[in-house]
Amino acid sequence: MEKVTHSILTNDDGSPSVSELALEIAKEFEQGPKGGHAEYVYICPTGYPTIGWGHVVLKGEKFNEPMTREEADELLLKDMNKTAARVYNILRREPSQDQFDALVSMAFNTGVGTKDGIKGDFADSTLLSYYEQGKDQLAAAEFGKWVYGRVKGKMVALAGLVRRRKAEASLYATGTFTL
């Protein structure tokens, strides 16, 4: 398969980058329990230790607490660009910046996964399949299906994910969103 060159923002090293809109969505929906960035590690609704703007703390990671806004912003940009690179590497057609931002925002939240044919992650999602087929209206509608999280052992629709997916779908389809 031939790799497509995408007309999206890039970092100084040439790697793909999200726009300020994607960061704005993340900052709205990846807030800590007190609003804004999480200065201290907390357990998110689905059970993961989290700090800053939705950074899942991995085993062995240590952060200064309280985390400053500047540190949280830097960590978010690093995390989003890491996700952007992974999303970029699985796309087979050229996205608009708005589509790319929406796809990266969702993948940042859900995890990218791998193209292994097993449904349940972004890489094998129907959303990505519709995007790759150029069926953008159907792809935009798929965002709304990714609103569930496991809470106390049960899959439930989370109000924050419903709002987030509406914003991502709007950005994907129209280039704008409201919060």
N, C-alpha and C. Protein backbone atom coordinates (compact mmCIF):
# COMPACT_ATOMS: atom_id res chain seq x y z
N MET A 1 0.83 -1.16 0.00
CA MET A 1 0.00 0.00 0.00
C MET A 1 0.89 1.24 0.00
N GLU A 2 0.56 2.21 -0.85
CA GLU A 2 1.32 3.44 -0.94
C GLU A 2 0.88 4.40 0.16
N LYS A 3 1.84 5.05 0.78
CA LYS A 3 1.55 6.00 1.85
C LYS A 3 1.14 7.33 1.24
N VAL A 4 0.04 7.88 1.73
CA VAL A 4 -0.46 9.17 1.28
C VAL A 4 0.23 10.27 2.08
N THR A 5 0.58 11.37 1.42
CA THR A 5 1.11 12.53 2.11
C THR A 5 -0.08 13.40 2.50
N HIS A 6 -0.16 13.76 3.76
CA HIS A 6 -1.30 14.50 4.27
C HIS A 6 -1.00 16.00 4.35
N SER A 7 -1.99 16.80 4.02
CA SER A 7 -1.83 18.26 4.08
C SER A 7 -2.34 18.76 5.43
N ILE A 8 -1.63 18.39 6.47
CA ILE A 8 -1.99 18.80 7.81
C ILE A 8 -0.80 19.52 8.44
N LEU A 9 -1.04 20.17 9.56
CA LEU A 9 0.03 20.85 10.26
C LEU A 9 1.13 19.87 10.65
N THR A 10 2.34 20.36 10.67
CA THR A 10 3.46 19.52 11.10
C THR A 10 4.29 20.26 12.14
N ASN A 11 4.98 19.47 12.95
CA ASN A 11 5.93 20.01 13.91
C ASN A 11 7.23 20.32 13.19
N ASP A 12 8.17 20.93 13.90
CA ASP A 12 9.47 21.28 13.30
C ASP A 12 10.20 20.07 12.72
N ASP A 13 9.97 18.90 13.32
CA ASP A 13 10.64 17.68 12.84
C ASP A 13 9.88 17.00 11.70
N GLY A 14 8.79 17.62 11.23
CA GLY A 14 8.02 17.06 10.13
C GLY A 14 6.92 16.10 10.55
N SER A 15 6.83 15.80 11.84
CA SER A 15 5.79 14.89 12.32
C SER A 15 4.44 15.61 12.33
N PRO A 16 3.34 14.86 12.18
CA PRO A 16 2.03 15.48 12.12
C PRO A 16 1.65 16.14 13.45
N SER A 17 0.87 17.21 13.35
CA SER A 17 0.48 17.95 14.54
C SER A 17 -1.01 18.29 14.50
N VAL A 18 -1.58 18.36 15.67
CA VAL A 18 -2.96 18.81 15.80
C VAL A 18 -2.98 20.34 15.84
N SER A 19 -4.16 20.90 15.60
CA SER A 19 -4.32 22.34 15.68
C SER A 19 -4.76 22.73 17.09
N GLU A 20 -4.88 24.02 17.30
CA GLU A 20 -5.36 24.53 18.58
C GLU A 20 -6.78 24.04 18.88
N LEU A 21 -7.59 23.79 17.84
CA LEU A 21 -8.95 23.30 18.07
C LEU A 21 -8.95 21.95 18.77
N ALA A 22 -8.06 21.06 18.36
CA ALA A 22 -7.99 19.75 19.01
C ALA A 22 -7.56 19.89 20.46
N LEU A 23 -6.63 20.77 20.71
CA LEU A 23 -6.19 21.01 22.09
C LEU A 23 -7.31 21.62 22.92
N GLU A 24 -8.11 22.48 22.30
CA GLU A 24 -9.25 23.09 22.99
C GLU A 24 -10.28 22.03 23.40
N ILE A 25 -10.55 21.09 22.49
CA ILE A 25 -11.49 20.01 22.83
C ILE A 25 -10.92 19.19 23.99
N ALA A 26 -9.64 18.85 23.92
CA ALA A 26 -9.04 18.06 24.99
C ALA A 26 -9.12 18.80 26.32
N LYS A 27 -8.84 20.08 26.31
CA LYS A 27 -8.87 20.84 27.56
C LYS A 27 -10.28 20.98 28.12
N GLU A 28 -11.26 20.93 27.27
CA GLU A 28 -12.65 20.97 27.75
C GLU A 28 -13.06 19.64 28.38
N PHE A 29 -12.67 18.55 27.74
CA PHE A 29 -13.18 17.24 28.15
C PHE A 29 -12.21 16.38 28.95
N GLU A 30 -11.00 16.83 29.11
CA GLU A 30 -10.02 16.07 29.89
C GLU A 30 -9.68 16.80 31.18
N GLN A 31 -10.65 17.49 31.74
CA GLN A 31 -10.41 18.25 32.97
C GLN A 31 -10.36 17.34 34.18
N GLY A 32 -9.68 17.83 35.19
CA GLY A 32 -9.60 17.10 36.45
C GLY A 32 -10.89 17.24 37.25
N PRO A 33 -10.96 16.60 38.39
CA PRO A 33 -12.19 16.59 39.19
C PRO A 33 -12.61 17.97 39.71
N LYS A 34 -11.68 18.93 39.75
CA LYS A 34 -12.02 20.28 40.22
C LYS A 34 -12.16 21.27 39.07
N GLY A 35 -12.18 20.76 37.83
CA GLY A 35 -12.18 21.64 36.67
C GLY A 35 -10.75 22.03 36.33
N GLY A 36 -10.53 22.46 35.11
CA GLY A 36 -9.18 22.78 34.68
C GLY A 36 -8.31 21.54 34.65
N HIS A 37 -7.01 21.75 34.59
CA HIS A 37 -6.10 20.60 34.58
C HIS A 37 -6.02 20.01 35.99
N ALA A 38 -5.75 18.74 36.06
CA ALA A 38 -5.61 18.06 37.36
C ALA A 38 -4.20 18.29 37.87
N GLU A 39 -4.08 18.97 38.99
CA GLU A 39 -2.78 19.24 39.58
C GLU A 39 -2.20 18.01 40.25
N TYR A 40 -3.09 17.11 40.66
CA TYR A 40 -2.69 15.90 41.38
C TYR A 40 -3.26 14.68 40.67
N VAL A 41 -2.60 13.56 40.82
CA VAL A 41 -3.10 12.30 40.25
C VAL A 41 -4.44 11.98 40.90
N TYR A 42 -5.39 11.60 40.07
CA TYR A 42 -6.71 11.16 40.54
C TYR A 42 -7.12 9.95 39.72
N ILE A 43 -8.14 9.27 40.16
CA ILE A 43 -8.66 8.11 39.42
C ILE A 43 -9.84 8.59 38.58
N CYS A 44 -9.74 8.44 37.26
CA CYS A 44 -10.81 8.90 36.36
C CYS A 44 -12.02 7.97 36.48
N PRO A 45 -13.17 8.34 35.89
CA PRO A 45 -14.39 7.53 36.03
C PRO A 45 -14.26 6.08 35.57
N THR A 46 -13.32 5.81 34.67
CA THR A 46 -13.14 4.43 34.22
C THR A 46 -12.00 3.72 34.93
N GLY A 47 -11.46 4.35 35.99
CA GLY A 47 -10.53 3.66 36.87
C GLY A 47 -9.04 3.85 36.64
N TYR A 48 -8.64 4.81 35.79
CA TYR A 48 -7.22 5.00 35.50
C TYR A 48 -6.64 6.17 36.28
N PRO A 49 -5.42 6.02 36.80
CA PRO A 49 -4.76 7.17 37.43
C PRO A 49 -4.43 8.20 36.34
N THR A 50 -4.80 9.45 36.59
CA THR A 50 -4.74 10.49 35.57
C THR A 50 -4.23 11.79 36.18
N ILE A 51 -3.54 12.59 35.37
CA ILE A 51 -3.05 13.90 35.81
C ILE A 51 -3.05 14.85 34.61
N GLY A 52 -3.01 16.14 34.88
CA GLY A 52 -2.95 17.13 33.81
C GLY A 52 -4.25 17.17 33.04
N TRP A 53 -4.13 17.18 31.73
CA TRP A 53 -5.29 17.17 30.84
C TRP A 53 -5.47 15.74 30.30
N GLY A 54 -5.92 14.83 31.14
CA GLY A 54 -6.24 13.48 30.68
C GLY A 54 -5.06 12.57 30.44
N HIS A 55 -3.90 12.87 31.01
CA HIS A 55 -2.75 11.98 30.84
C HIS A 55 -2.90 10.79 31.78
N VAL A 56 -2.99 9.60 31.19
CA VAL A 56 -3.04 8.38 32.00
C VAL A 56 -1.62 8.10 32.48
N VAL A 57 -1.48 8.02 33.78
CA VAL A 57 -0.17 7.81 34.38
C VAL A 57 0.22 6.33 34.24
N LEU A 58 1.31 6.11 33.54
CA LEU A 58 1.79 4.75 33.30
C LEU A 58 2.68 4.30 34.45
N LYS A 59 2.83 3.01 34.60
CA LYS A 59 3.67 2.46 35.65
C LYS A 59 5.07 3.05 35.54
N GLY A 60 5.58 3.54 36.65
CA GLY A 60 6.91 4.10 36.68
C GLY A 60 6.98 5.59 36.39
N GLU A 61 5.91 6.19 35.88
CA GLU A 61 5.92 7.63 35.62
C GLU A 61 5.75 8.40 36.92
N LYS A 62 6.49 9.46 37.04
CA LYS A 62 6.40 10.34 38.21
C LYS A 62 6.26 11.77 37.73
N PHE A 63 5.44 12.53 38.40
CA PHE A 63 5.22 13.93 38.05
C PHE A 63 5.31 14.79 39.29
N ASN A 64 5.76 16.04 39.10
CA ASN A 64 5.73 16.99 40.19
C ASN A 64 4.27 17.31 40.52
N GLU A 65 3.96 17.27 41.79
CA GLU A 65 2.61 17.63 42.22
C GLU A 65 2.73 18.73 43.27
N PRO A 66 2.01 19.79 43.13
CA PRO A 66 0.98 20.01 42.12
C PRO A 66 1.60 20.31 40.74
N MET A 67 0.95 19.79 39.69
CA MET A 67 1.38 20.04 38.31
C MET A 67 0.89 21.43 37.93
N THR A 68 1.78 22.23 37.34
CA THR A 68 1.38 23.58 36.92
C THR A 68 0.60 23.52 35.61
N ARG A 69 -0.10 24.58 35.29
CA ARG A 69 -0.84 24.67 34.03
C ARG A 69 0.12 24.52 32.85
N GLU A 70 1.27 25.17 32.96
CA GLU A 70 2.27 25.09 31.88
C GLU A 70 2.74 23.65 31.67
N GLU A 71 3.01 22.95 32.76
CA GLU A 71 3.43 21.54 32.66
C GLU A 71 2.32 20.68 32.06
N ALA A 72 1.09 20.95 32.47
CA ALA A 72 -0.05 20.19 31.94
C ALA A 72 -0.23 20.46 30.45
N ASP A 73 -0.09 21.72 30.03
CA ASP A 73 -0.21 22.06 28.62
C ASP A 73 0.88 21.39 27.79
N GLU A 74 2.11 21.39 28.29
CA GLU A 74 3.23 20.74 27.58
C GLU A 74 3.00 19.23 27.47
N LEU A 75 2.52 18.63 28.55
CA LEU A 75 2.26 17.19 28.54
C LEU A 75 1.13 16.85 27.57
N LEU A 76 0.09 17.67 27.54
CA LEU A 76 -1.02 17.44 26.61
C LEU A 76 -0.53 17.52 25.17
N LEU A 77 0.25 18.54 24.85
CA LEU A 77 0.74 18.67 23.48
C LEU A 77 1.60 17.46 23.09
N LYS A 78 2.44 17.03 24.00
CA LYS A 78 3.27 15.84 23.75
C LYS A 78 2.39 14.61 23.53
N ASP A 79 1.40 14.42 24.41
CA ASP A 79 0.49 13.26 24.29
C ASP A 79 -0.32 13.31 23.00
N MET A 80 -0.85 14.50 22.68
CA MET A 80 -1.67 14.62 21.46
C MET A 80 -0.82 14.39 20.21
N ASN A 81 0.41 14.91 20.20
CA ASN A 81 1.26 14.70 19.04
C ASN A 81 1.68 13.24 18.90
N LYS A 82 1.85 12.56 20.02
CA LYS A 82 2.14 11.12 19.98
C LYS A 82 0.95 10.37 19.35
N THR A 83 -0.25 10.75 19.77
CA THR A 83 -1.46 10.15 19.20
C THR A 83 -1.60 10.53 17.73
N ALA A 84 -1.29 11.79 17.40
CA ALA A 84 -1.39 12.25 16.01
C ALA A 84 -0.49 11.42 15.10
N ALA A 85 0.72 11.12 15.56
CA ALA A 85 1.64 10.31 14.75
C ALA A 85 1.08 8.91 14.52
N ARG A 86 0.49 8.33 15.55
CA ARG A 86 -0.07 6.98 15.41
C ARG A 86 -1.28 6.99 14.47
N VAL A 87 -2.14 8.00 14.60
CA VAL A 87 -3.30 8.10 13.71
C VAL A 87 -2.82 8.32 12.28
N TYR A 88 -1.90 9.24 12.10
CA TYR A 88 -1.35 9.55 10.78
C TYR A 88 -0.86 8.28 10.07
N ASN A 89 -0.20 7.42 10.83
CA ASN A 89 0.39 6.22 10.23
C ASN A 89 -0.63 5.18 9.79
N ILE A 90 -1.87 5.29 10.23
CA ILE A 90 -2.87 4.31 9.78
C ILE A 90 -3.83 4.87 8.74
N LEU A 91 -3.79 6.18 8.49
CA LEU A 91 -4.70 6.77 7.50
C LEU A 91 -4.24 6.44 6.08
N ARG A 92 -5.24 6.14 5.24
CA ARG A 92 -4.92 5.80 3.85
C ARG A 92 -5.43 6.84 2.87
N ARG A 93 -6.05 7.89 3.36
CA ARG A 93 -6.42 8.98 2.47
C ARG A 93 -6.17 10.30 3.18
N GLU A 94 -6.12 11.36 2.41
CA GLU A 94 -5.74 12.66 2.96
C GLU A 94 -6.90 13.30 3.72
N PRO A 95 -6.69 13.62 4.99
CA PRO A 95 -7.74 14.29 5.75
C PRO A 95 -7.60 15.81 5.66
N SER A 96 -8.69 16.50 5.95
CA SER A 96 -8.57 17.93 6.20
C SER A 96 -7.99 18.06 7.61
N GLN A 97 -7.52 19.24 7.97
CA GLN A 97 -7.01 19.44 9.33
C GLN A 97 -8.12 19.19 10.34
N ASP A 98 -9.34 19.64 10.02
CA ASP A 98 -10.46 19.45 10.95
C ASP A 98 -10.77 17.97 11.15
N GLN A 99 -10.78 17.20 10.07
CA GLN A 99 -11.01 15.76 10.19
C GLN A 99 -9.90 15.12 11.03
N PHE A 100 -8.66 15.49 10.73
CA PHE A 100 -7.53 14.93 11.46
C PHE A 100 -7.63 15.26 12.95
N ASP A 101 -7.95 16.51 13.27
CA ASP A 101 -8.08 16.91 14.67
C ASP A 101 -9.16 16.11 15.38
N ALA A 102 -10.29 15.92 14.72
CA ALA A 102 -11.39 15.16 15.33
C ALA A 102 -10.99 13.70 15.53
N LEU A 103 -10.35 13.11 14.54
CA LEU A 103 -9.91 11.71 14.65
C LEU A 103 -8.88 11.55 15.76
N VAL A 104 -7.94 12.48 15.85
CA VAL A 104 -6.90 12.41 16.88
C VAL A 104 -7.52 12.62 18.26
N SER A 105 -8.45 13.57 18.37
CA SER A 105 -9.11 13.80 19.66
C SER A 105 -9.80 12.55 20.16
N MET A 106 -10.52 11.88 19.26
CA MET A 106 -11.21 10.66 19.66
C MET A 106 -10.20 9.57 20.03
N ALA A 107 -9.19 9.39 19.19
CA ALA A 107 -8.19 8.34 19.45
C ALA A 107 -7.41 8.62 20.73
N PHE A 108 -7.17 9.89 21.04
CA PHE A 108 -6.50 10.24 22.28
C PHE A 108 -7.34 9.76 23.46
N ASN A 109 -8.63 9.88 23.34
CA ASN A 109 -9.54 9.51 24.42
C ASN A 109 -9.77 8.00 24.49
N THR A 110 -9.90 7.35 23.35
CA THR A 110 -10.25 5.92 23.34
C THR A 110 -9.03 5.01 23.27
N GLY A 111 -7.92 5.54 22.81
CA GLY A 111 -6.76 4.73 22.49
C GLY A 111 -6.77 4.42 21.01
N VAL A 112 -5.61 4.39 20.40
CA VAL A 112 -5.53 4.15 18.96
C VAL A 112 -5.75 2.69 18.63
N GLY A 113 -5.09 1.80 19.37
CA GLY A 113 -5.17 0.38 19.08
C GLY A 113 -4.32 0.03 17.87
N THR A 114 -4.55 -1.16 17.34
CA THR A 114 -3.80 -1.61 16.16
C THR A 114 -4.77 -2.18 15.15
N LYS A 115 -4.40 -2.07 13.88
CA LYS A 115 -5.22 -2.64 12.81
C LYS A 115 -5.02 -4.14 12.79
N ASP A 116 -5.79 -4.84 13.64
CA ASP A 116 -5.64 -6.28 13.74
C ASP A 116 -6.94 -7.01 13.40
N GLY A 117 -7.93 -6.26 12.94
CA GLY A 117 -9.20 -6.88 12.55
C GLY A 117 -10.13 -7.13 13.72
N ILE A 118 -9.72 -6.79 14.92
CA ILE A 118 -10.58 -7.00 16.09
C ILE A 118 -11.22 -5.68 16.45
N LYS A 119 -12.53 -5.60 16.36
CA LYS A 119 -13.25 -4.38 16.68
C LYS A 119 -13.08 -4.04 18.15
N GLY A 120 -13.21 -2.78 18.47
CA GLY A 120 -13.12 -2.36 19.86
C GLY A 120 -12.10 -1.27 20.09
N ASP A 121 -11.36 -0.91 19.05
CA ASP A 121 -10.45 0.21 19.19
C ASP A 121 -10.54 1.08 17.94
N PHE A 122 -9.97 2.25 18.01
CA PHE A 122 -10.06 3.22 16.91
C PHE A 122 -9.54 2.64 15.59
N ALA A 123 -8.41 1.97 15.63
CA ALA A 123 -7.77 1.49 14.40
C ALA A 123 -8.65 0.52 13.61
N ASP A 124 -9.52 -0.19 14.29
CA ASP A 124 -10.40 -1.14 13.61
C ASP A 124 -11.86 -0.69 13.64
N SER A 125 -12.09 0.58 13.88
CA SER A 125 -13.46 1.08 14.04
C SER A 125 -14.18 1.25 12.70
N THR A 126 -15.48 1.18 12.77
CA THR A 126 -16.32 1.47 11.60
C THR A 126 -16.13 2.93 11.21
N LEU A 127 -15.93 3.81 12.18
CA LEU A 127 -15.68 5.22 11.89
C LEU A 127 -14.49 5.36 10.96
N LEU A 128 -13.38 4.72 11.29
CA LEU A 128 -12.18 4.80 10.45
C LEU A 128 -12.43 4.17 9.08
N SER A 129 -13.16 3.07 9.06
CA SER A 129 -13.48 2.42 7.79
C SER A 129 -14.28 3.35 6.90
N TYR A 130 -15.30 4.01 7.44
CA TYR A 130 -16.08 4.97 6.65
C TYR A 130 -15.21 6.14 6.19
N TYR A 131 -14.36 6.64 7.07
CA TYR A 131 -13.45 7.73 6.69
C TYR A 131 -12.60 7.30 5.49
N GLU A 132 -12.01 6.12 5.57
CA GLU A 132 -11.13 5.65 4.51
C GLU A 132 -11.87 5.44 3.19
N GLN A 133 -13.17 5.15 3.27
CA GLN A 133 -13.99 4.97 2.07
C GLN A 133 -14.51 6.31 1.53
N GLY A 134 -14.21 7.41 2.23
CA GLY A 134 -14.69 8.71 1.81
C GLY A 134 -16.15 8.95 2.15
N LYS A 135 -16.70 8.13 3.03
CA LYS A 135 -18.10 8.26 3.45
C LYS A 135 -18.15 9.14 4.71
N ASP A 136 -17.90 10.44 4.49
CA ASP A 136 -17.70 11.33 5.62
C ASP A 136 -18.95 11.56 6.46
N GLN A 137 -20.14 11.57 5.88
CA GLN A 137 -21.35 11.72 6.70
C GLN A 137 -21.54 10.51 7.61
N LEU A 138 -21.29 9.33 7.07
CA LEU A 138 -21.41 8.12 7.89
C LEU A 138 -20.32 8.10 8.97
N ALA A 139 -19.12 8.54 8.60
CA ALA A 139 -18.02 8.59 9.59
C ALA A 139 -18.39 9.55 10.72
N ALA A 140 -18.90 10.72 10.38
CA ALA A 140 -19.28 11.70 11.41
C ALA A 140 -20.34 11.13 12.35
N ALA A 141 -21.27 10.36 11.81
CA ALA A 141 -22.31 9.76 12.65
C ALA A 141 -21.76 8.72 13.61
N GLU A 142 -20.65 8.09 13.25
CA GLU A 142 -20.05 7.05 14.09
C GLU A 142 -19.49 7.58 15.41
N PHE A 143 -19.10 8.85 15.44
CA PHE A 143 -18.56 9.41 16.69
C PHE A 143 -19.52 9.16 17.85
N GLY A 144 -20.82 9.31 17.57
CA GLY A 144 -21.83 9.17 18.61
C GLY A 144 -21.97 7.79 19.21
N LYS A 145 -21.34 6.80 18.60
CA LYS A 145 -21.40 5.44 19.13
C LYS A 145 -20.30 5.17 20.17
N TRP A 146 -19.38 6.10 20.32
CA TRP A 146 -18.23 5.92 21.21
C TRP A 146 -18.41 6.73 22.49
N VAL A 147 -19.50 6.48 23.19
CA VAL A 147 -19.85 7.27 24.37
C VAL A 147 -19.90 6.42 25.65
N TYR A 148 -19.46 5.18 25.56
CA TYR A 148 -19.59 4.27 26.70
C TYR A 148 -18.26 4.07 27.41
N GLY A 149 -18.38 3.93 28.72
CA GLY A 149 -17.22 3.62 29.55
C GLY A 149 -17.63 2.62 30.60
N ARG A 150 -16.67 1.87 31.09
CA ARG A 150 -16.96 0.87 32.11
C ARG A 150 -16.87 1.53 33.48
N VAL A 151 -17.99 1.53 34.19
CA VAL A 151 -18.07 2.09 35.53
C VAL A 151 -18.64 1.02 36.45
N LYS A 152 -17.87 0.67 37.46
CA LYS A 152 -18.27 -0.37 38.40
C LYS A 152 -18.68 -1.65 37.68
N GLY A 153 -17.90 -1.98 36.65
CA GLY A 153 -18.10 -3.23 35.93
C GLY A 153 -19.16 -3.21 34.84
N LYS A 154 -19.84 -2.09 34.66
CA LYS A 154 -20.91 -2.01 33.66
C LYS A 154 -20.59 -0.94 32.62
N MET A 155 -20.95 -1.24 31.37
CA MET A 155 -20.79 -0.25 30.30
C MET A 155 -21.98 0.71 30.36
N VAL A 156 -21.66 1.98 30.51
CA VAL A 156 -22.71 3.01 30.59
C VAL A 156 -22.32 4.19 29.70
N ALA A 157 -23.34 4.87 29.17
CA ALA A 157 -23.10 6.09 28.42
C ALA A 157 -22.70 7.17 29.42
N LEU A 158 -21.60 7.83 29.15
CA LEU A 158 -21.11 8.89 30.02
C LEU A 158 -21.44 10.25 29.40
N ALA A 159 -22.10 11.11 30.18
CA ALA A 159 -22.56 12.40 29.67
C ALA A 159 -21.43 13.21 29.05
N GLY A 160 -20.26 13.19 29.67
CA GLY A 160 -19.11 13.92 29.12
C GLY A 160 -18.68 13.40 27.76
N LEU A 161 -18.76 12.07 27.59
CA LEU A 161 -18.40 11.49 26.29
C LEU A 161 -19.45 11.82 25.23
N VAL A 162 -20.71 11.89 25.62
CA VAL A 162 -21.77 12.28 24.67
C VAL A 162 -21.47 13.68 24.15
N ARG A 163 -21.16 14.61 25.05
CA ARG A 163 -20.84 16.00 24.65
C ARG A 163 -19.57 16.05 23.81
N ARG A 164 -18.57 15.29 24.23
CA ARG A 164 -17.29 15.30 23.51
C ARG A 164 -17.48 14.78 22.09
N ARG A 165 -18.17 13.67 21.94
CA ARG A 165 -18.35 13.09 20.60
C ARG A 165 -19.16 14.02 19.70
N LYS A 166 -20.12 14.76 20.26
CA LYS A 166 -20.85 15.74 19.45
C LYS A 166 -19.90 16.82 18.95
N ALA A 167 -19.01 17.29 19.82
CA ALA A 167 -18.04 18.30 19.42
C ALA A 167 -17.09 17.76 18.35
N GLU A 168 -16.60 16.54 18.55
CA GLU A 168 -15.69 15.93 17.57
C GLU A 168 -16.38 15.70 16.23
N ALA A 169 -17.62 15.22 16.26
CA ALA A 169 -18.36 14.97 15.02
C ALA A 169 -18.60 16.28 14.28
N SER A 170 -18.93 17.33 15.02
CA SER A 170 -19.14 18.64 14.41
C SER A 170 -17.85 19.16 13.79
N LEU A 171 -16.74 19.05 14.52
CA LEU A 171 -15.46 19.49 13.97
C LEU A 171 -15.12 18.69 12.72
N TYR A 172 -15.32 17.39 12.76
CA TYR A 172 -15.03 16.52 11.62
C TYR A 172 -15.85 16.95 10.39
N ALA A 173 -17.16 17.18 10.60
CA ALA A 173 -18.07 17.43 9.47
C ALA A 173 -18.09 18.88 9.00
N THR A 174 -17.92 19.82 9.93
CA THR A 174 -18.14 21.23 9.58
C THR A 174 -16.94 22.14 9.81
N GLY A 175 -15.95 21.65 10.58
CA GLY A 175 -14.80 22.49 10.89
C GLY A 175 -15.02 23.41 12.07
N THR A 176 -16.18 23.28 12.73
CA THR A 176 -16.48 24.08 13.92
C THR A 176 -17.13 23.19 14.96
N PHE A 177 -17.17 23.69 16.18
CA PHE A 177 -17.88 22.98 17.23
C PHE A 177 -18.25 23.97 18.32
N THR A 178 -19.25 23.60 19.10
CA THR A 178 -19.63 24.40 20.26
C THR A 178 -19.51 23.52 21.48
N LEU A 179 -19.20 24.13 22.59
CA LEU A 179 -19.05 23.40 23.84
C LEU A 179 -20.23 23.68 24.75
